Amino acid sequence: MGYPAYVLCLLDAKAKVFAIRMCKSSEPKGFKFSKPRGEQKGVVTISSKNLLEPLRAATGEDWVPGKRYRVRGFWVADAKTMCFDLNEGVQEDFRQNPANSDDK
């Protein structure tokens, strides 16, 4: 996918598939996404309430509220789109900050 500055977020709630497609900054509903390759320091995460609420609604009771999920994406080259099958989400625990650990 490279390092697109803007993407368009798409959701098929019935099929439980989320997708992001590269777009121009002028495209309606375009979402600021990544910095250029040399400036991007880590993975891109999306925590927008406007995006997370529909994703949670689409997964229904399959995803536990308040938990974090990782979904591996797959690239659809001809559509220049990264797709994520929400049915394949794997629950993850939040990382503990070692400085706040009781095991000192």
N, C-alpha and C. Protein backbone atom coordinates (compact mmCIF):
# COMPACT_ATOMS: atom_id res chain seq x y z
N MET A 1 0.82 -1.18 0.00
CA MET A 1 0.00 0.00 0.00
C MET A 1 0.87 1.25 0.00
N GLY A 2 2.09 1.10 0.44
CA GLY A 2 2.96 2.27 0.50
C GLY A 2 2.63 3.12 1.71
N TYR A 3 2.75 4.40 1.57
CA TYR A 3 2.51 5.34 2.66
C TYR A 3 1.54 6.42 2.20
N PRO A 4 0.28 6.06 1.95
CA PRO A 4 -0.67 7.06 1.44
C PRO A 4 -0.98 8.12 2.49
N ALA A 5 -0.97 9.37 2.07
CA ALA A 5 -1.29 10.46 2.98
C ALA A 5 -2.77 10.43 3.37
N TYR A 6 -3.62 10.02 2.42
CA TYR A 6 -5.06 9.98 2.67
C TYR A 6 -5.64 8.66 2.21
N VAL A 7 -6.65 8.19 2.93
CA VAL A 7 -7.36 6.97 2.55
C VAL A 7 -8.86 7.21 2.71
N LEU A 8 -9.61 6.35 2.08
CA LEU A 8 -11.06 6.33 2.22
C LEU A 8 -11.39 5.04 2.94
N CYS A 9 -12.15 5.13 4.03
CA CYS A 9 -12.53 3.95 4.81
C CYS A 9 -13.88 3.44 4.34
N LEU A 10 -13.95 2.14 4.10
CA LEU A 10 -15.17 1.50 3.58
C LEU A 10 -15.54 0.32 4.48
N LEU A 11 -16.84 0.10 4.66
CA LEU A 11 -17.29 -0.99 5.52
C LEU A 11 -18.48 -1.68 4.88
N ASP A 12 -18.38 -2.99 4.74
CA ASP A 12 -19.52 -3.82 4.36
C ASP A 12 -19.92 -4.55 5.63
N ALA A 13 -20.89 -3.98 6.36
CA ALA A 13 -21.28 -4.50 7.67
C ALA A 13 -21.86 -5.91 7.57
N LYS A 14 -22.61 -6.18 6.52
CA LYS A 14 -23.23 -7.50 6.37
C LYS A 14 -22.18 -8.60 6.21
N ALA A 15 -21.17 -8.34 5.38
CA ALA A 15 -20.10 -9.32 5.16
C ALA A 15 -19.00 -9.22 6.21
N LYS A 16 -19.06 -8.18 7.04
CA LYS A 16 -18.04 -7.92 8.07
C LYS A 16 -16.66 -7.74 7.45
N VAL A 17 -16.59 -6.89 6.42
CA VAL A 17 -15.32 -6.59 5.76
C VAL A 17 -15.10 -5.09 5.82
N PHE A 18 -13.93 -4.70 6.30
CA PHE A 18 -13.50 -3.30 6.37
C PHE A 18 -12.39 -3.12 5.34
N ALA A 19 -12.36 -1.98 4.67
CA ALA A 19 -11.33 -1.75 3.66
C ALA A 19 -10.86 -0.31 3.72
N ILE A 20 -9.61 -0.10 3.33
CA ILE A 20 -9.08 1.24 3.16
C ILE A 20 -8.49 1.34 1.76
N ARG A 21 -8.82 2.44 1.10
CA ARG A 21 -8.36 2.67 -0.27
C ARG A 21 -7.67 4.01 -0.33
N MET A 22 -6.52 4.05 -1.00
CA MET A 22 -5.81 5.30 -1.18
C MET A 22 -6.70 6.31 -1.90
N CYS A 23 -6.58 7.58 -1.53
CA CYS A 23 -7.36 8.62 -2.21
C CYS A 23 -6.59 9.94 -2.14
N LYS A 24 -7.10 10.93 -2.83
CA LYS A 24 -6.50 12.27 -2.81
C LYS A 24 -7.08 13.06 -1.63
N SER A 25 -6.37 14.05 -1.19
CA SER A 25 -6.82 14.86 -0.06
C SER A 25 -8.14 15.57 -0.35
N SER A 26 -8.43 15.79 -1.62
CA SER A 26 -9.66 16.50 -1.99
C SER A 26 -10.89 15.59 -2.06
N GLU A 27 -10.70 14.28 -1.93
CA GLU A 27 -11.84 13.37 -2.03
C GLU A 27 -12.73 13.49 -0.79
N PRO A 28 -14.04 13.62 -1.01
CA PRO A 28 -14.95 13.70 0.14
C PRO A 28 -14.78 12.48 1.05
N LYS A 29 -14.77 12.72 2.34
CA LYS A 29 -14.61 11.69 3.37
C LYS A 29 -13.23 11.06 3.39
N GLY A 30 -12.26 11.70 2.72
CA GLY A 30 -10.88 11.25 2.80
C GLY A 30 -10.38 11.42 4.23
N PHE A 31 -9.51 10.54 4.67
CA PHE A 31 -9.06 10.48 6.06
C PHE A 31 -7.54 10.57 6.07
N LYS A 32 -6.96 11.53 6.83
CA LYS A 32 -5.51 11.64 6.93
C LYS A 32 -4.97 10.35 7.53
N PHE A 33 -3.97 9.76 6.87
CA PHE A 33 -3.56 8.41 7.25
C PHE A 33 -2.10 8.27 7.62
N SER A 34 -1.18 8.55 6.71
CA SER A 34 0.22 8.25 6.95
C SER A 34 1.12 9.43 6.60
N LYS A 35 2.28 9.42 7.21
CA LYS A 35 3.32 10.38 6.85
C LYS A 35 4.14 9.76 5.72
N PRO A 36 4.98 10.55 5.05
CA PRO A 36 5.86 9.97 4.02
C PRO A 36 6.78 8.91 4.65
N ARG A 37 7.26 7.99 3.83
CA ARG A 37 8.05 6.86 4.29
C ARG A 37 9.17 7.24 5.26
N GLY A 38 9.94 8.25 4.96
CA GLY A 38 11.05 8.65 5.82
C GLY A 38 10.64 9.23 7.15
N GLU A 39 9.40 9.66 7.27
CA GLU A 39 8.91 10.29 8.50
C GLU A 39 8.05 9.36 9.35
N GLN A 40 7.54 8.28 8.77
CA GLN A 40 6.65 7.37 9.50
C GLN A 40 7.49 6.53 10.45
N LYS A 41 7.24 6.63 11.75
CA LYS A 41 8.07 5.96 12.75
C LYS A 41 7.53 4.61 13.21
N GLY A 42 6.27 4.32 12.97
CA GLY A 42 5.69 3.06 13.45
C GLY A 42 4.48 2.68 12.63
N VAL A 43 3.73 1.71 13.13
CA VAL A 43 2.53 1.27 12.44
C VAL A 43 1.45 2.33 12.57
N VAL A 44 0.55 2.34 11.63
CA VAL A 44 -0.57 3.28 11.66
C VAL A 44 -1.74 2.60 12.35
N THR A 45 -2.30 3.25 13.35
CA THR A 45 -3.50 2.74 14.01
C THR A 45 -4.59 3.79 13.87
N ILE A 46 -5.81 3.31 13.86
CA ILE A 46 -6.96 4.21 13.74
C ILE A 46 -7.80 4.07 15.00
N SER A 47 -8.01 5.17 15.69
CA SER A 47 -8.80 5.11 16.92
C SER A 47 -9.95 6.10 16.91
N SER A 48 -10.39 6.51 15.75
CA SER A 48 -11.49 7.46 15.62
C SER A 48 -12.80 6.82 16.07
N LYS A 49 -13.49 7.48 16.96
CA LYS A 49 -14.78 7.00 17.45
C LYS A 49 -15.76 6.83 16.28
N ASN A 50 -15.69 7.73 15.30
CA ASN A 50 -16.59 7.66 14.14
C ASN A 50 -16.34 6.44 13.28
N LEU A 51 -15.17 5.86 13.39
CA LEU A 51 -14.84 4.65 12.65
C LEU A 51 -15.03 3.41 13.52
N LEU A 52 -14.61 3.49 14.77
CA LEU A 52 -14.66 2.31 15.63
C LEU A 52 -16.09 1.88 15.97
N GLU A 53 -16.99 2.83 16.16
CA GLU A 53 -18.37 2.47 16.51
C GLU A 53 -19.04 1.63 15.42
N PRO A 54 -18.95 2.00 14.13
CA PRO A 54 -19.54 1.13 13.10
C PRO A 54 -18.84 -0.24 13.00
N LEU A 55 -17.52 -0.28 13.24
CA LEU A 55 -16.81 -1.56 13.21
C LEU A 55 -17.31 -2.46 14.34
N ARG A 56 -17.46 -1.89 15.52
CA ARG A 56 -17.97 -2.66 16.67
C ARG A 56 -19.40 -3.13 16.42
N ALA A 57 -20.22 -2.26 15.82
CA ALA A 57 -21.60 -2.64 15.52
C ALA A 57 -21.63 -3.79 14.50
N ALA A 58 -20.73 -3.76 13.53
CA ALA A 58 -20.69 -4.81 12.51
C ALA A 58 -20.28 -6.15 13.09
N THR A 59 -19.39 -6.13 14.08
CA THR A 59 -18.92 -7.39 14.67
C THR A 59 -19.89 -7.92 15.72
N GLY A 60 -20.80 -7.08 16.18
CA GLY A 60 -21.81 -7.52 17.14
C GLY A 60 -21.19 -8.09 18.39
N GLU A 61 -21.72 -9.24 18.81
CA GLU A 61 -21.25 -9.87 20.05
C GLU A 61 -19.98 -10.68 19.85
N ASP A 62 -19.50 -10.75 18.59
CA ASP A 62 -18.28 -11.52 18.32
C ASP A 62 -17.05 -10.89 18.97
N TRP A 63 -17.07 -9.57 19.13
CA TRP A 63 -15.95 -8.87 19.75
C TRP A 63 -16.38 -8.34 21.10
N VAL A 64 -15.58 -8.61 22.12
CA VAL A 64 -15.87 -8.19 23.49
C VAL A 64 -15.64 -6.68 23.61
N PRO A 65 -16.64 -5.94 24.11
CA PRO A 65 -16.45 -4.49 24.29
C PRO A 65 -15.25 -4.19 25.19
N GLY A 66 -14.50 -3.16 24.84
CA GLY A 66 -13.35 -2.76 25.64
C GLY A 66 -12.08 -3.53 25.34
N LYS A 67 -12.16 -4.54 24.50
CA LYS A 67 -10.97 -5.30 24.14
C LYS A 67 -10.43 -4.82 22.80
N ARG A 68 -9.19 -5.15 22.54
CA ARG A 68 -8.50 -4.74 21.33
C ARG A 68 -8.37 -5.95 20.41
N TYR A 69 -8.51 -5.71 19.09
CA TYR A 69 -8.45 -6.80 18.13
C TYR A 69 -7.48 -6.47 17.00
N ARG A 70 -6.78 -7.51 16.54
CA ARG A 70 -5.88 -7.38 15.40
C ARG A 70 -6.47 -8.19 14.25
N VAL A 71 -6.51 -7.54 13.07
CA VAL A 71 -7.04 -8.20 11.89
C VAL A 71 -6.00 -8.07 10.78
N ARG A 72 -5.53 -9.18 10.26
CA ARG A 72 -4.54 -9.17 9.18
C ARG A 72 -5.25 -8.80 7.87
N GLY A 73 -4.68 -7.85 7.17
CA GLY A 73 -5.27 -7.40 5.92
C GLY A 73 -4.74 -8.14 4.71
N PHE A 74 -5.44 -8.02 3.61
CA PHE A 74 -4.97 -8.57 2.35
C PHE A 74 -5.15 -7.51 1.27
N TRP A 75 -4.19 -7.45 0.37
CA TRP A 75 -4.10 -6.41 -0.66
C TRP A 75 -4.84 -6.83 -1.92
N VAL A 76 -5.70 -5.96 -2.42
CA VAL A 76 -6.39 -6.17 -3.69
C VAL A 76 -5.77 -5.16 -4.66
N ALA A 77 -4.78 -5.60 -5.44
CA ALA A 77 -3.96 -4.72 -6.25
C ALA A 77 -4.75 -3.92 -7.29
N ASP A 78 -5.65 -4.58 -8.00
CA ASP A 78 -6.36 -3.85 -9.07
C ASP A 78 -7.27 -2.75 -8.51
N ALA A 79 -7.69 -2.87 -7.26
CA ALA A 79 -8.52 -1.84 -6.64
C ALA A 79 -7.70 -0.90 -5.75
N LYS A 80 -6.40 -1.19 -5.62
CA LYS A 80 -5.51 -0.42 -4.74
C LYS A 80 -6.14 -0.26 -3.35
N THR A 81 -6.60 -1.39 -2.83
CA THR A 81 -7.36 -1.41 -1.58
C THR A 81 -6.84 -2.50 -0.65
N MET A 82 -6.73 -2.18 0.64
CA MET A 82 -6.38 -3.15 1.66
C MET A 82 -7.68 -3.54 2.35
N CYS A 83 -7.96 -4.85 2.39
CA CYS A 83 -9.20 -5.36 2.96
C CYS A 83 -8.92 -6.14 4.24
N PHE A 84 -9.87 -6.09 5.15
CA PHE A 84 -9.75 -6.77 6.44
C PHE A 84 -11.04 -7.53 6.71
N ASP A 85 -10.96 -8.85 6.84
CA ASP A 85 -12.12 -9.67 7.17
C ASP A 85 -12.27 -9.65 8.69
N LEU A 86 -13.27 -8.94 9.18
CA LEU A 86 -13.45 -8.76 10.62
C LEU A 86 -13.78 -10.07 11.32
N ASN A 87 -14.23 -11.06 10.58
CA ASN A 87 -14.49 -12.38 11.16
C ASN A 87 -13.20 -13.04 11.64
N GLU A 88 -12.06 -12.57 11.14
CA GLU A 88 -10.77 -13.17 11.49
C GLU A 88 -10.03 -12.37 12.57
N GLY A 89 -10.73 -11.46 13.24
CA GLY A 89 -10.10 -10.66 14.30
C GLY A 89 -9.64 -11.53 15.46
N VAL A 90 -8.46 -11.22 15.97
CA VAL A 90 -7.88 -11.94 17.10
C VAL A 90 -7.76 -10.97 18.26
N GLN A 91 -8.35 -11.35 19.38
CA GLN A 91 -8.30 -10.49 20.56
C GLN A 91 -6.88 -10.39 21.09
N GLU A 92 -6.48 -9.17 21.48
CA GLU A 92 -5.15 -8.94 22.04
C GLU A 92 -5.30 -8.18 23.35
N ASP A 93 -4.36 -8.42 24.23
CA ASP A 93 -4.31 -7.65 25.47
C ASP A 93 -3.50 -6.40 25.22
N PHE A 94 -3.85 -5.33 25.92
CA PHE A 94 -3.06 -4.11 25.83
C PHE A 94 -1.71 -4.38 26.45
N ARG A 95 -0.67 -3.78 25.87
CA ARG A 95 0.68 -3.95 26.41
C ARG A 95 0.79 -3.23 27.75
N GLN A 96 1.42 -3.89 28.69
CA GLN A 96 1.68 -3.28 29.98
C GLN A 96 2.90 -2.38 29.88
N ASN A 97 2.86 -1.24 30.50
CA ASN A 97 4.01 -0.35 30.58
C ASN A 97 4.92 -0.87 31.69
N PRO A 98 6.17 -1.30 31.37
CA PRO A 98 7.06 -1.87 32.39
C PRO A 98 7.29 -0.93 33.57
N ALA A 99 7.25 0.37 33.37
CA ALA A 99 7.45 1.33 34.45
C ALA A 99 6.32 1.28 35.46
N ASN A 100 5.13 0.83 35.04
CA ASN A 100 3.98 0.77 35.93
C ASN A 100 3.74 -0.63 36.48
N SER A 101 4.63 -1.55 36.19
CA SER A 101 4.45 -2.94 36.59
C SER A 101 4.71 -3.11 38.09
N ASP A 102 3.99 -4.03 38.72
CA ASP A 102 4.20 -4.33 40.14
C ASP A 102 5.32 -5.32 40.35
N ASP A 103 5.93 -5.82 39.27
CA ASP A 103 6.98 -6.84 39.36
C ASP A 103 8.38 -6.24 39.42
N LYS A 104 8.54 -5.11 40.06
CA LYS A 104 9.84 -4.43 40.12
C LYS A 104 10.77 -5.13 41.06
